[in-house]
């Protein structure tokens, strides 16, 4: 069973940038689409962006133009480059299958805090 480990979160000022990584313990070649999700305090987990095996991407309107998802199948890693961060981007970020996550894949996530 593939395990996913998210990293790269932290505290950043509004307008700043972070790059998140999602490393898989096994091959993600067979996973058609991977994506990023986030959960803010007191809110439900929501999707952020997804990428197919051949590189097609999808973004939620709230992050379109600011976030970029990418995927390195050779390294079994998915990335999320986040620019122009806003306080409302504050959340725990997770990676999983996309657009329908697999409950067995949920990891610990990585905390992103945008604050001055």
N, C-alpha and C. Protein backbone atom coordinates (compact mmCIF):
# COMPACT_ATOMS: atom_id res chain seq x y z
N UNK A 1 0.84 -1.18 0.00
CA UNK A 1 0.00 0.00 0.00
C UNK A 1 0.89 1.25 0.00
N UNK A 2 0.65 2.14 -0.94
CA UNK A 2 1.43 3.36 -1.03
C UNK A 2 1.09 4.28 0.14
N UNK A 3 2.13 4.84 0.74
CA UNK A 3 1.93 5.86 1.76
C UNK A 3 2.42 7.20 1.26
N UNK A 4 1.71 8.26 1.63
CA UNK A 4 2.03 9.61 1.17
C UNK A 4 2.50 10.46 2.34
N UNK A 5 3.58 11.19 2.13
CA UNK A 5 4.12 12.07 3.17
C UNK A 5 4.25 13.47 2.60
N UNK A 6 3.51 14.39 3.22
CA UNK A 6 3.54 15.79 2.79
C UNK A 6 4.58 16.56 3.59
N UNK A 7 5.20 17.55 2.93
CA UNK A 7 6.18 18.39 3.61
C UNK A 7 6.26 19.73 2.90
N UNK A 8 6.96 20.67 3.54
CA UNK A 8 7.20 21.96 2.92
C UNK A 8 6.36 23.10 3.46
N UNK A 9 5.47 22.81 4.39
CA UNK A 9 4.66 23.87 4.96
C UNK A 9 5.46 24.77 5.89
N UNK A 10 4.79 25.81 6.37
CA UNK A 10 5.45 26.72 7.29
C UNK A 10 4.67 28.00 7.46
N UNK A 11 5.31 28.96 8.11
CA UNK A 11 4.71 30.28 8.32
C UNK A 11 5.27 31.24 7.29
N UNK A 12 4.38 31.94 6.61
CA UNK A 12 4.81 32.86 5.57
C UNK A 12 3.92 34.10 5.62
N UNK A 13 4.48 35.23 5.24
CA UNK A 13 3.71 36.47 5.21
C UNK A 13 2.81 36.52 3.99
N UNK A 14 1.74 37.28 4.07
CA UNK A 14 0.88 37.45 2.88
C UNK A 14 1.71 37.92 1.69
N UNK A 15 1.43 37.32 0.54
CA UNK A 15 2.19 37.64 -0.65
C UNK A 15 3.40 36.75 -0.86
N UNK A 16 3.71 35.95 0.14
CA UNK A 16 4.87 35.07 0.05
C UNK A 16 4.59 33.78 -0.71
N UNK A 17 5.60 32.91 -0.73
CA UNK A 17 5.52 31.66 -1.49
C UNK A 17 5.99 30.48 -0.65
N UNK A 18 5.45 29.33 -0.98
CA UNK A 18 5.89 28.06 -0.41
C UNK A 18 5.79 26.99 -1.48
N UNK A 19 6.61 25.96 -1.35
CA UNK A 19 6.52 24.82 -2.24
C UNK A 19 6.31 23.56 -1.41
N UNK A 20 5.18 22.92 -1.62
CA UNK A 20 4.86 21.70 -0.90
C UNK A 20 5.28 20.49 -1.73
N UNK A 21 5.65 19.43 -1.01
CA UNK A 21 6.00 18.17 -1.67
C UNK A 21 5.17 17.04 -1.08
N UNK A 22 4.85 16.10 -1.91
CA UNK A 22 4.12 14.90 -1.49
C UNK A 22 4.91 13.71 -2.02
N UNK A 23 5.60 13.03 -1.12
CA UNK A 23 6.43 11.90 -1.51
C UNK A 23 5.69 10.59 -1.25
N UNK A 24 5.66 9.75 -2.27
CA UNK A 24 4.99 8.45 -2.14
C UNK A 24 6.03 7.37 -1.84
N UNK A 25 5.63 6.42 -1.00
CA UNK A 25 6.55 5.35 -0.63
C UNK A 25 6.70 4.32 -1.75
N UNK A 26 5.78 4.38 -2.71
CA UNK A 26 5.86 3.47 -3.85
C UNK A 26 5.55 4.20 -5.13
N UNK A 27 5.43 3.47 -6.19
CA UNK A 27 5.19 4.08 -7.49
C UNK A 27 3.79 4.69 -7.58
N UNK A 28 3.74 5.87 -8.17
CA UNK A 28 2.44 6.51 -8.42
C UNK A 28 2.09 6.45 -9.90
N UNK A 29 2.90 5.69 -10.66
CA UNK A 29 2.65 5.59 -12.09
C UNK A 29 1.24 5.09 -12.41
N UNK A 30 0.76 4.18 -11.57
CA UNK A 30 -0.55 3.57 -11.85
C UNK A 30 -1.70 4.45 -11.38
N UNK A 31 -1.39 5.51 -10.66
CA UNK A 31 -2.45 6.41 -10.17
C UNK A 31 -2.72 7.45 -11.25
N UNK A 32 -3.92 7.41 -11.80
CA UNK A 32 -4.25 8.27 -12.94
C UNK A 32 -4.12 9.75 -12.62
N UNK A 33 -4.61 10.13 -11.45
CA UNK A 33 -4.61 11.55 -11.11
C UNK A 33 -4.34 11.73 -9.62
N UNK A 34 -3.43 12.65 -9.31
CA UNK A 34 -3.10 12.99 -7.94
C UNK A 34 -3.47 14.44 -7.69
N UNK A 35 -3.69 14.77 -6.44
CA UNK A 35 -4.07 16.16 -6.18
C UNK A 35 -3.76 16.60 -4.77
N UNK A 36 -3.99 17.87 -4.55
CA UNK A 36 -3.81 18.47 -3.24
C UNK A 36 -5.16 18.91 -2.69
N UNK A 37 -5.28 18.75 -1.38
CA UNK A 37 -6.48 19.15 -0.65
C UNK A 37 -6.03 19.98 0.54
N UNK A 38 -6.96 20.71 1.14
CA UNK A 38 -6.62 21.46 2.34
C UNK A 38 -7.81 21.52 3.27
N UNK A 39 -7.48 21.68 4.55
CA UNK A 39 -8.52 21.79 5.56
C UNK A 39 -8.16 22.91 6.51
N UNK A 40 -8.97 23.96 6.50
CA UNK A 40 -8.78 25.08 7.40
C UNK A 40 -9.50 24.79 8.72
N UNK A 41 -9.08 25.44 9.80
CA UNK A 41 -9.73 25.21 11.10
C UNK A 41 -11.24 25.44 11.04
N UNK A 42 -11.99 24.47 11.51
CA UNK A 42 -13.44 24.60 11.55
C UNK A 42 -14.14 24.42 10.22
N UNK A 43 -13.39 24.04 9.19
CA UNK A 43 -13.98 23.88 7.86
C UNK A 43 -13.76 22.45 7.35
N UNK A 44 -14.55 22.10 6.36
CA UNK A 44 -14.39 20.79 5.72
C UNK A 44 -13.18 20.79 4.80
N UNK A 45 -12.63 19.61 4.60
CA UNK A 45 -11.52 19.48 3.67
C UNK A 45 -12.01 19.77 2.25
N UNK A 46 -11.21 20.50 1.49
CA UNK A 46 -11.60 20.87 0.13
C UNK A 46 -10.46 20.58 -0.84
N UNK A 47 -10.82 20.37 -2.08
CA UNK A 47 -9.80 20.14 -3.09
C UNK A 47 -9.17 21.46 -3.49
N UNK A 48 -7.92 21.38 -3.92
CA UNK A 48 -7.17 22.56 -4.32
C UNK A 48 -6.76 22.47 -5.79
N UNK A 49 -6.14 21.37 -6.14
CA UNK A 49 -5.65 21.19 -7.51
C UNK A 49 -5.38 19.72 -7.77
N UNK A 50 -5.41 19.35 -9.05
CA UNK A 50 -5.12 17.99 -9.43
C UNK A 50 -4.31 17.93 -10.70
N UNK A 51 -3.63 16.79 -10.89
CA UNK A 51 -2.82 16.60 -12.09
C UNK A 51 -2.89 15.15 -12.52
N UNK A 52 -3.10 14.93 -13.82
CA UNK A 52 -3.18 13.57 -14.34
C UNK A 52 -1.77 13.03 -14.58
N UNK A 53 -1.72 11.76 -14.90
CA UNK A 53 -0.44 11.09 -15.14
C UNK A 53 0.31 11.74 -16.31
N UNK A 54 -0.45 12.25 -17.28
CA UNK A 54 0.21 12.87 -18.43
C UNK A 54 0.29 14.39 -18.33
N UNK A 55 0.03 14.93 -17.15
CA UNK A 55 0.31 16.34 -16.91
C UNK A 55 -0.83 17.32 -17.06
N UNK A 56 -2.02 16.85 -17.29
CA UNK A 56 -3.15 17.78 -17.38
C UNK A 56 -3.52 18.22 -15.97
N UNK A 57 -3.77 19.51 -15.82
CA UNK A 57 -4.01 20.07 -14.49
C UNK A 57 -5.41 20.66 -14.34
N UNK A 58 -5.83 20.74 -13.09
CA UNK A 58 -7.10 21.38 -12.76
C UNK A 58 -6.90 22.14 -11.46
N UNK A 59 -7.47 23.34 -11.40
CA UNK A 59 -7.35 24.17 -10.20
C UNK A 59 -8.72 24.67 -9.76
N UNK A 60 -8.89 24.75 -8.46
CA UNK A 60 -10.08 25.40 -7.94
C UNK A 60 -9.94 26.90 -8.18
N UNK A 61 -11.08 27.56 -8.33
CA UNK A 61 -11.06 28.99 -8.64
C UNK A 61 -10.29 29.80 -7.61
N UNK A 62 -10.33 29.39 -6.36
CA UNK A 62 -9.71 30.16 -5.28
C UNK A 62 -8.19 30.21 -5.39
N UNK A 63 -7.58 29.29 -6.15
CA UNK A 63 -6.12 29.26 -6.24
C UNK A 63 -5.62 29.43 -7.67
N UNK A 64 -6.54 29.49 -8.61
CA UNK A 64 -6.16 29.58 -10.02
C UNK A 64 -5.31 30.83 -10.25
N UNK A 65 -4.19 30.64 -10.95
CA UNK A 65 -3.30 31.77 -11.23
C UNK A 65 -2.26 32.01 -10.16
N UNK A 66 -2.42 31.37 -9.00
CA UNK A 66 -1.46 31.56 -7.90
C UNK A 66 -0.71 30.27 -7.57
N UNK A 67 -1.39 29.14 -7.70
CA UNK A 67 -0.80 27.85 -7.37
C UNK A 67 -0.49 27.07 -8.65
N UNK A 68 0.57 26.27 -8.59
CA UNK A 68 0.94 25.41 -9.71
C UNK A 68 1.23 24.01 -9.20
N UNK A 69 0.53 23.03 -9.73
CA UNK A 69 0.76 21.65 -9.35
C UNK A 69 1.63 20.98 -10.41
N UNK A 70 2.54 20.12 -9.95
CA UNK A 70 3.38 19.38 -10.88
C UNK A 70 3.63 17.98 -10.32
N UNK A 71 4.17 17.15 -11.17
CA UNK A 71 4.29 15.74 -10.80
C UNK A 71 5.56 15.17 -11.41
N UNK A 72 6.35 14.47 -10.62
CA UNK A 72 7.56 13.81 -11.10
C UNK A 72 7.38 12.31 -10.85
N UNK A 73 6.94 11.60 -11.87
CA UNK A 73 6.67 10.17 -11.70
C UNK A 73 7.93 9.38 -11.37
N UNK A 74 9.07 9.82 -11.88
CA UNK A 74 10.32 9.12 -11.62
C UNK A 74 10.69 9.20 -10.14
N UNK A 75 10.32 10.30 -9.50
CA UNK A 75 10.61 10.49 -8.08
C UNK A 75 9.41 10.16 -7.20
N UNK A 76 8.32 9.75 -7.83
CA UNK A 76 7.09 9.44 -7.09
C UNK A 76 6.68 10.60 -6.18
N UNK A 77 6.73 11.80 -6.72
CA UNK A 77 6.48 13.00 -5.93
C UNK A 77 5.57 13.95 -6.68
N UNK A 78 4.68 14.57 -5.93
CA UNK A 78 3.79 15.61 -6.46
C UNK A 78 4.11 16.90 -5.70
N UNK A 79 4.12 18.00 -6.41
CA UNK A 79 4.47 19.29 -5.83
C UNK A 79 3.32 20.27 -5.95
N UNK A 80 3.33 21.26 -5.07
CA UNK A 80 2.40 22.37 -5.17
C UNK A 80 3.16 23.65 -4.89
N UNK A 81 3.39 24.42 -5.93
CA UNK A 81 4.04 25.73 -5.79
C UNK A 81 2.94 26.74 -5.50
N UNK A 82 3.07 27.43 -4.38
CA UNK A 82 2.05 28.38 -3.95
C UNK A 82 2.66 29.77 -3.90
N UNK A 83 2.15 30.65 -4.72
CA UNK A 83 2.61 32.03 -4.77
C UNK A 83 1.49 32.98 -4.36
N UNK A 84 1.85 34.21 -4.07
CA UNK A 84 0.86 35.23 -3.69
C UNK A 84 -0.09 34.71 -2.62
N UNK A 85 0.48 34.13 -1.60
CA UNK A 85 -0.33 33.51 -0.56
C UNK A 85 -1.16 34.54 0.21
N UNK A 86 -2.35 34.11 0.60
CA UNK A 86 -3.29 34.96 1.33
C UNK A 86 -3.60 34.32 2.68
N UNK A 87 -4.03 35.11 3.64
CA UNK A 87 -4.39 34.53 4.94
C UNK A 87 -5.42 33.41 4.82
N UNK A 88 -6.30 33.52 3.86
CA UNK A 88 -7.33 32.49 3.68
C UNK A 88 -6.78 31.18 3.12
N UNK A 89 -5.52 31.16 2.75
CA UNK A 89 -4.87 29.91 2.32
C UNK A 89 -4.38 29.10 3.52
N UNK A 90 -4.47 29.68 4.70
CA UNK A 90 -4.03 28.98 5.91
C UNK A 90 -4.84 27.71 6.11
N UNK A 91 -4.14 26.58 6.20
CA UNK A 91 -4.81 25.28 6.33
C UNK A 91 -3.74 24.20 6.46
N UNK A 92 -4.21 22.99 6.75
CA UNK A 92 -3.35 21.82 6.64
C UNK A 92 -3.55 21.28 5.23
N UNK A 93 -2.46 21.05 4.52
CA UNK A 93 -2.51 20.60 3.14
C UNK A 93 -2.17 19.11 3.06
N UNK A 94 -2.96 18.40 2.28
CA UNK A 94 -2.80 16.97 2.09
C UNK A 94 -2.73 16.63 0.61
N UNK A 95 -2.13 15.52 0.29
CA UNK A 95 -2.20 15.02 -1.08
C UNK A 95 -2.94 13.67 -1.06
N UNK A 96 -3.50 13.32 -2.21
CA UNK A 96 -4.27 12.09 -2.31
C UNK A 96 -4.64 11.89 -3.77
N UNK A 97 -5.33 10.82 -4.06
CA UNK A 97 -5.88 10.63 -5.40
C UNK A 97 -6.87 11.77 -5.67
N UNK A 98 -7.05 12.06 -6.93
CA UNK A 98 -7.88 13.20 -7.34
C UNK A 98 -8.75 12.81 -8.53
N UNK A 99 -9.97 13.24 -8.65
CA UNK A 99 -10.70 14.12 -7.74
C UNK A 99 -11.40 13.41 -6.58
N UNK A 100 -11.32 12.09 -6.57
CA UNK A 100 -11.94 11.34 -5.48
C UNK A 100 -10.83 10.74 -4.62
N UNK A 101 -10.64 11.28 -3.43
CA UNK A 101 -9.56 10.78 -2.58
C UNK A 101 -9.85 9.37 -2.05
N UNK A 102 -8.77 8.68 -1.75
CA UNK A 102 -8.86 7.34 -1.17
C UNK A 102 -8.55 7.47 0.32
N UNK A 103 -9.49 7.04 1.16
CA UNK A 103 -9.31 7.25 2.60
C UNK A 103 -8.04 6.59 3.12
N UNK A 104 -7.57 5.54 2.43
CA UNK A 104 -6.37 4.83 2.89
C UNK A 104 -5.10 5.65 2.63
N UNK A 105 -5.20 6.69 1.82
CA UNK A 105 -4.03 7.47 1.43
C UNK A 105 -3.79 8.71 2.28
N UNK A 106 -4.76 9.06 3.12
CA UNK A 106 -4.58 10.29 3.87
C UNK A 106 -3.36 10.21 4.78
N UNK A 107 -2.48 11.22 4.68
CA UNK A 107 -1.32 11.30 5.54
C UNK A 107 -1.55 12.32 6.64
N UNK A 108 -0.45 12.79 7.24
CA UNK A 108 -0.54 13.75 8.33
C UNK A 108 -0.74 15.17 7.84
N UNK A 109 -0.41 15.40 6.60
CA UNK A 109 -0.54 16.74 6.05
C UNK A 109 0.61 17.64 6.48
N UNK A 110 0.62 18.83 5.92
CA UNK A 110 1.63 19.83 6.28
C UNK A 110 0.92 21.16 6.50
N UNK A 111 1.27 21.83 7.61
CA UNK A 111 0.59 23.07 7.99
C UNK A 111 1.14 24.26 7.23
N UNK A 112 0.24 25.02 6.65
CA UNK A 112 0.60 26.28 6.00
C UNK A 112 -0.12 27.39 6.74
N UNK A 113 0.64 28.36 7.22
CA UNK A 113 0.07 29.50 7.93
C UNK A 113 0.52 30.77 7.25
N UNK A 114 -0.45 31.56 6.82
CA UNK A 114 -0.16 32.83 6.15
C UNK A 114 -0.60 33.96 7.07
N UNK A 115 0.38 34.66 7.60
CA UNK A 115 0.07 35.69 8.58
C UNK A 115 1.21 36.69 8.65
N UNK A 116 0.85 37.94 8.94
CA UNK A 116 1.86 38.97 9.12
C UNK A 116 2.22 39.11 10.59
